[in-house]
Amino acid sequence: MNLAPQPNAETLAAIQETREIAAGRIPAIRYSSVEEAFAVLDAEMAQKERGLSF
């Protein structure tokens, strides 16, 4: 019996994406500053709140 918590679908997708980036199959997103990274994150969160997806 395995009592260890299992990752959810979103976590499994993030793990797979990380493996794809590490293998060079998809490019990593790079930002020129922390401010830029958070601006993109804020925009993505606003889109999700409005029911839109990227």
PDB file of N, CA and C in Angstrom:
ATOM      1  N   MET A   1       0.841  -1.175   0.000  1.00  0.00           N
ATOM      2  CA  MET A   1       0.000   0.000   0.000  1.00  0.00           C
ATOM      3  C   MET A   1       0.893   1.247   0.000  1.00  0.00           C
ATOM      4  N   ASN A   2       0.637   2.148  -0.935  1.00  0.00           N
ATOM      5  CA  ASN A   2       1.426   3.373  -1.060  1.00  0.00           C
ATOM      6  C   ASN A   2       0.675   4.517  -0.390  1.00  0.00           C
ATOM      7  N   LEU A   3       1.213   5.018   0.726  1.00  0.00           N
ATOM      8  CA  LEU A   3       0.570   6.102   1.461  1.00  0.00           C
ATOM      9  C   LEU A   3       1.145   7.467   1.122  1.00  0.00           C
ATOM     10  N   ALA A   4       2.145   7.499   0.273  1.00  0.00           N
ATOM     11  CA  ALA A   4       2.749   8.777  -0.104  1.00  0.00           C
ATOM     12  C   ALA A   4       1.762   9.574  -0.947  1.00  0.00           C
ATOM     13  N   PRO A   5       1.693  10.899  -0.729  1.00  0.00           N
ATOM     14  CA  PRO A   5       0.784  11.713  -1.552  1.00  0.00           C
ATOM     15  C   PRO A   5       1.196  11.665  -3.022  1.00  0.00           C
ATOM     16  N   GLN A   6       0.203  11.674  -3.891  1.00  0.00           N
ATOM     17  CA  GLN A   6       0.453  11.626  -5.321  1.00  0.00           C
ATOM     18  C   GLN A   6       0.247  13.020  -5.911  1.00  0.00           C
ATOM     19  N   PRO A   7       1.110  13.439  -6.848  1.00  0.00           N
ATOM     20  CA  PRO A   7       0.950  14.763  -7.454  1.00  0.00           C
ATOM     21  C   PRO A   7      -0.323  14.832  -8.306  1.00  0.00           C
ATOM     22  N   ASN A   8      -0.901  16.040  -8.345  1.00  0.00           N
ATOM     23  CA  ASN A   8      -2.099  16.231  -9.167  1.00  0.00           C
ATOM     24  C   ASN A   8      -1.701  16.435 -10.626  1.00  0.00           C
ATOM     25  N   ALA A   9      -2.685  16.570 -11.504  1.00  0.00           N
ATOM     26  CA  ALA A   9      -2.437  16.670 -12.949  1.00  0.00           C
ATOM     27  C   ALA A   9      -1.597  17.897 -13.299  1.00  0.00           C
ATOM     28  N   GLU A  10      -1.851  19.024 -12.630  1.00  0.00           N
ATOM     29  CA  GLU A  10      -1.089  20.243 -12.924  1.00  0.00           C
ATOM     30  C   GLU A  10       0.389  20.066 -12.572  1.00  0.00           C
ATOM     31  N   THR A  11       0.654  19.423 -11.441  1.00  0.00           N
ATOM     32  CA  THR A  11       2.037  19.166 -11.036  1.00  0.00           C
ATOM     33  C   THR A  11       2.709  18.202 -12.000  1.00  0.00           C
ATOM     34  N   LEU A  12       2.005  17.151 -12.405  1.00  0.00           N
ATOM     35  CA  LEU A  12       2.568  16.195 -13.362  1.00  0.00           C
ATOM     36  C   LEU A  12       2.884  16.885 -14.689  1.00  0.00           C
ATOM     37  N   ALA A  13       2.023  17.801 -15.129  1.00  0.00           N
ATOM     38  CA  ALA A  13       2.274  18.540 -16.368  1.00  0.00           C
ATOM     39  C   ALA A  13       3.505  19.429 -16.227  1.00  0.00           C
ATOM     40  N   ALA A  14       3.669  20.058 -15.073  1.00  0.00           N
ATOM     41  CA  ALA A  14       4.846  20.905 -14.842  1.00  0.00           C
ATOM     42  C   ALA A  14       6.129  20.071 -14.838  1.00  0.00           C
ATOM     43  N   ILE A  15       6.070  18.909 -14.255  1.00  0.00           N
ATOM     44  CA  ILE A  15       7.230  18.013 -14.245  1.00  0.00           C
ATOM     45  C   ILE A  15       7.589  17.605 -15.672  1.00  0.00           C
ATOM     46  N   GLN A  16       6.583  17.259 -16.463  1.00  0.00           N
ATOM     47  CA  GLN A  16       6.837  16.873 -17.852  1.00  0.00           C
ATOM     48  C   GLN A  16       7.423  18.034 -18.645  1.00  0.00           C
ATOM     49  N   GLU A  17       6.879  19.228 -18.440  1.00  0.00           N
ATOM     50  CA  GLU A  17       7.398  20.408 -19.135  1.00  0.00           C
ATOM     51  C   GLU A  17       8.868  20.650 -18.772  1.00  0.00           C
ATOM     52  N   THR A  18       9.191  20.482 -17.503  1.00  0.00           N
ATOM     53  CA  THR A  18      10.582  20.642 -17.053  1.00  0.00           C
ATOM     54  C   THR A  18      11.495  19.639 -17.742  1.00  0.00           C
ATOM     55  N   ARG A  19      11.049  18.421 -17.858  1.00  0.00           N
ATOM     56  CA  ARG A  19      11.847  17.391 -18.547  1.00  0.00           C
ATOM     57  C   ARG A  19      12.042  17.741 -20.026  1.00  0.00           C
ATOM     58  N   GLU A  20      10.991  18.259 -20.665  1.00  0.00           N
ATOM     59  CA  GLU A  20      11.079  18.657 -22.079  1.00  0.00           C
ATOM     60  C   GLU A  20      12.069  19.810 -22.254  1.00  0.00           C
ATOM     61  N   ILE A  21      12.042  20.775 -21.340  1.00  0.00           N
ATOM     62  CA  ILE A  21      12.986  21.904 -21.398  1.00  0.00           C
ATOM     63  C   ILE A  21      14.413  21.398 -21.200  1.00  0.00           C
ATOM     64  N   ALA A  22      14.608  20.555 -20.190  1.00  0.00           N
ATOM     65  CA  ALA A  22      15.948  20.021 -19.901  1.00  0.00           C
ATOM     66  C   ALA A  22      16.500  19.223 -21.067  1.00  0.00           C
ATOM     67  N   ALA A  23      15.626  18.546 -21.800  1.00  0.00           N
ATOM     68  CA  ALA A  23      16.057  17.742 -22.948  1.00  0.00           C
ATOM     69  C   ALA A  23      16.257  18.581 -24.206  1.00  0.00           C
ATOM     70  N   GLY A  24      15.868  19.846 -24.132  1.00  0.00           N
ATOM     71  CA  GLY A  24      16.046  20.724 -25.284  1.00  0.00           C
ATOM     72  C   GLY A  24      14.948  20.602 -26.331  1.00  0.00           C
ATOM     73  N   ARG A  25      13.857  19.939 -25.992  1.00  0.00           N
ATOM     74  CA  ARG A  25      12.771  19.764 -26.954  1.00  0.00           C
ATOM     75  C   ARG A  25      11.852  20.980 -27.035  1.00  0.00           C
ATOM     76  N   ILE A  26      11.787  21.751 -25.957  1.00  0.00           N
ATOM     77  CA  ILE A  26      11.053  23.018 -25.992  1.00  0.00           C
ATOM     78  C   ILE A  26      11.926  24.090 -25.341  1.00  0.00           C
ATOM     79  N   PRO A  27      11.831  25.331 -25.817  1.00  0.00           N
ATOM     80  CA  PRO A  27      12.693  26.377 -25.260  1.00  0.00           C
ATOM     81  C   PRO A  27      12.211  26.837 -23.884  1.00  0.00           C
ATOM     82  N   ALA A  28      13.147  27.213 -23.052  1.00  0.00           N
ATOM     83  CA  ALA A  28      12.815  27.787 -21.755  1.00  0.00           C
ATOM     84  C   ALA A  28      12.451  29.254 -21.955  1.00  0.00           C
ATOM     85  N   ILE A  29      11.503  29.725 -21.181  1.00  0.00           N
ATOM     86  CA  ILE A  29      11.145  31.138 -21.230  1.00  0.00           C
ATOM     87  C   ILE A  29      12.151  31.893 -20.369  1.00  0.00           C
ATOM     88  N   ARG A  30      12.676  32.978 -20.923  1.00  0.00           N
ATOM     89  CA  ARG A  30      13.662  33.783 -20.188  1.00  0.00           C
ATOM     90  C   ARG A  30      13.143  35.208 -20.064  1.00  0.00           C
ATOM     91  N   TYR A  31      13.440  35.809 -18.938  1.00  0.00           N
ATOM     92  CA  TYR A  31      13.023  37.174 -18.678  1.00  0.00           C
ATOM     93  C   TYR A  31      14.254  38.024 -18.406  1.00  0.00           C
ATOM     94  N   SER A  32      14.163  39.301 -18.756  1.00  0.00           N
ATOM     95  CA  SER A  32      15.307  40.189 -18.560  1.00  0.00           C
ATOM     96  C   SER A  32      15.364  40.746 -17.142  1.00  0.00           C
ATOM     97  N   SER A  33      14.264  40.592 -16.387  1.00  0.00           N
ATOM     98  CA  SER A  33      14.249  41.078 -15.009  1.00  0.00           C
ATOM     99  C   SER A  33      13.140  40.366 -14.234  1.00  0.00           C
ATOM    100  N   VAL A  34      13.222  40.468 -12.928  1.00  0.00           N
ATOM    101  CA  VAL A  34      12.175  39.918 -12.077  1.00  0.00           C
ATOM    102  C   VAL A  34      10.869  40.661 -12.333  1.00  0.00           C
ATOM    103  N   GLU A  35      10.971  41.964 -12.550  1.00  0.00           N
ATOM    104  CA  GLU A  35       9.773  42.762 -12.821  1.00  0.00           C
ATOM    105  C   GLU A  35       9.045  42.255 -14.064  1.00  0.00           C
ATOM    106  N   GLU A  36       9.805  41.929 -15.105  1.00  0.00           N
ATOM    107  CA  GLU A  36       9.202  41.399 -16.332  1.00  0.00           C
ATOM    108  C   GLU A  36       8.521  40.061 -16.063  1.00  0.00           C
ATOM    109  N   ALA A  37       9.179  39.195 -15.319  1.00  0.00           N
ATOM    110  CA  ALA A  37       8.609  37.881 -15.007  1.00  0.00           C
ATOM    111  C   ALA A  37       7.292  38.029 -14.246  1.00  0.00           C
ATOM    112  N   PHE A  38       7.264  38.928 -13.260  1.00  0.00           N
ATOM    113  CA  PHE A  38       6.041  39.110 -12.493  1.00  0.00           C
ATOM    114  C   PHE A  38       4.949  39.793 -13.308  1.00  0.00           C
ATOM    115  N   ALA A  39       5.317  40.663 -14.224  1.00  0.00           N
ATOM    116  CA  ALA A  39       4.326  41.294 -15.101  1.00  0.00           C
ATOM    117  C   ALA A  39       3.643  40.235 -15.963  1.00  0.00           C
ATOM    118  N   VAL A  40       4.414  39.301 -16.495  1.00  0.00           N
ATOM    119  CA  VAL A  40       3.852  38.213 -17.296  1.00  0.00           C
ATOM    120  C   VAL A  40       2.960  37.330 -16.423  1.00  0.00           C
ATOM    121  N   LEU A  41       3.425  37.017 -15.235  1.00  0.00           N
ATOM    122  CA  LEU A  41       2.630  36.204 -14.316  1.00  0.00           C
ATOM    123  C   LEU A  41       1.313  36.904 -13.969  1.00  0.00           C
ATOM    124  N   ASP A  42       1.393  38.195 -13.676  1.00  0.00           N
ATOM    125  CA  ASP A  42       0.177  38.956 -13.370  1.00  0.00           C
ATOM    126  C   ASP A  42      -0.804  38.919 -14.538  1.00  0.00           C
ATOM    127  N   ALA A  43      -0.304  39.072 -15.750  1.00  0.00           N
ATOM    128  CA  ALA A  43      -1.170  39.040 -16.936  1.00  0.00           C
ATOM    129  C   ALA A  43      -1.812  37.670 -17.102  1.00  0.00           C
ATOM    130  N   GLU A  44      -1.044  36.609 -16.871  1.00  0.00           N
ATOM    131  CA  GLU A  44      -1.590  35.254 -16.975  1.00  0.00           C
ATOM    132  C   GLU A  44      -2.670  35.019 -15.924  1.00  0.00           C
ATOM    133  N   MET A  45      -2.437  35.483 -14.704  1.00  0.00           N
ATOM    134  CA  MET A  45      -3.417  35.307 -13.635  1.00  0.00           C
ATOM    135  C   MET A  45      -4.695  36.091 -13.942  1.00  0.00           C
ATOM    136  N   ALA A  46      -4.554  37.283 -14.490  1.00  0.00           N
ATOM    137  CA  ALA A  46      -5.722  38.082 -14.857  1.00  0.00           C
ATOM    138  C   ALA A  46      -6.526  37.378 -15.950  1.00  0.00           C
ATOM    139  N   GLN A  47      -5.835  36.784 -16.909  1.00  0.00           N
ATOM    140  CA  GLN A  47      -6.512  36.033 -17.982  1.00  0.00           C
ATOM    141  C   GLN A  47      -7.286  34.857 -17.389  1.00  0.00           C
ATOM    142  N   LYS A  48      -6.668  34.134 -16.474  1.00  0.00           N
ATOM    143  CA  LYS A  48      -7.328  32.979 -15.860  1.00  0.00           C
ATOM    144  C   LYS A  48      -8.554  33.420 -15.066  1.00  0.00           C
ATOM    145  N   GLU A  49      -8.448  34.548 -14.369  1.00  0.00           N
ATOM    146  CA  GLU A  49      -9.588  35.050 -13.592  1.00  0.00           C
ATOM    147  C   GLU A  49     -10.764  35.401 -14.510  1.00  0.00           C
ATOM    148  N   ARG A  50     -10.450  35.802 -15.724  1.00  0.00           N
ATOM    149  CA  ARG A  50     -11.509  36.142 -16.686  1.00  0.00           C
ATOM    150  C   ARG A  50     -11.979  34.912 -17.459  1.00  0.00           C
ATOM    151  N   GLY A  51     -11.426  33.749 -17.137  1.00  0.00           N
ATOM    152  CA  GLY A  51     -11.860  32.513 -17.787  1.00  0.00           C
ATOM    153  C   GLY A  51     -11.164  32.234 -19.108  1.00  0.00           C
ATOM    154  N   LEU A  52     -10.080  32.938 -19.384  1.00  0.00           N
ATOM    155  CA  LEU A  52      -9.326  32.721 -20.609  1.00  0.00           C
ATOM    156  C   LEU A  52      -8.089  31.915 -20.288  1.00  0.00           C
ATOM    157  N   SER A  53      -7.548  31.237 -21.276  1.00  0.00           N
ATOM    158  CA  SER A  53      -6.317  30.479 -21.051  1.00  0.00           C
ATOM    159  C   SER A  53      -5.313  30.813 -22.138  1.00  0.00           C
ATOM    160  N   PHE A  54      -4.055  30.527 -21.837  1.00  0.00           N
ATOM    161  CA  PHE A  54      -2.960  30.791 -22.785  1.00  0.00           C
ATOM    162  C   PHE A  54      -2.700  29.573 -23.622  1.00  0.00           C
TER     163      PHE A  54
END
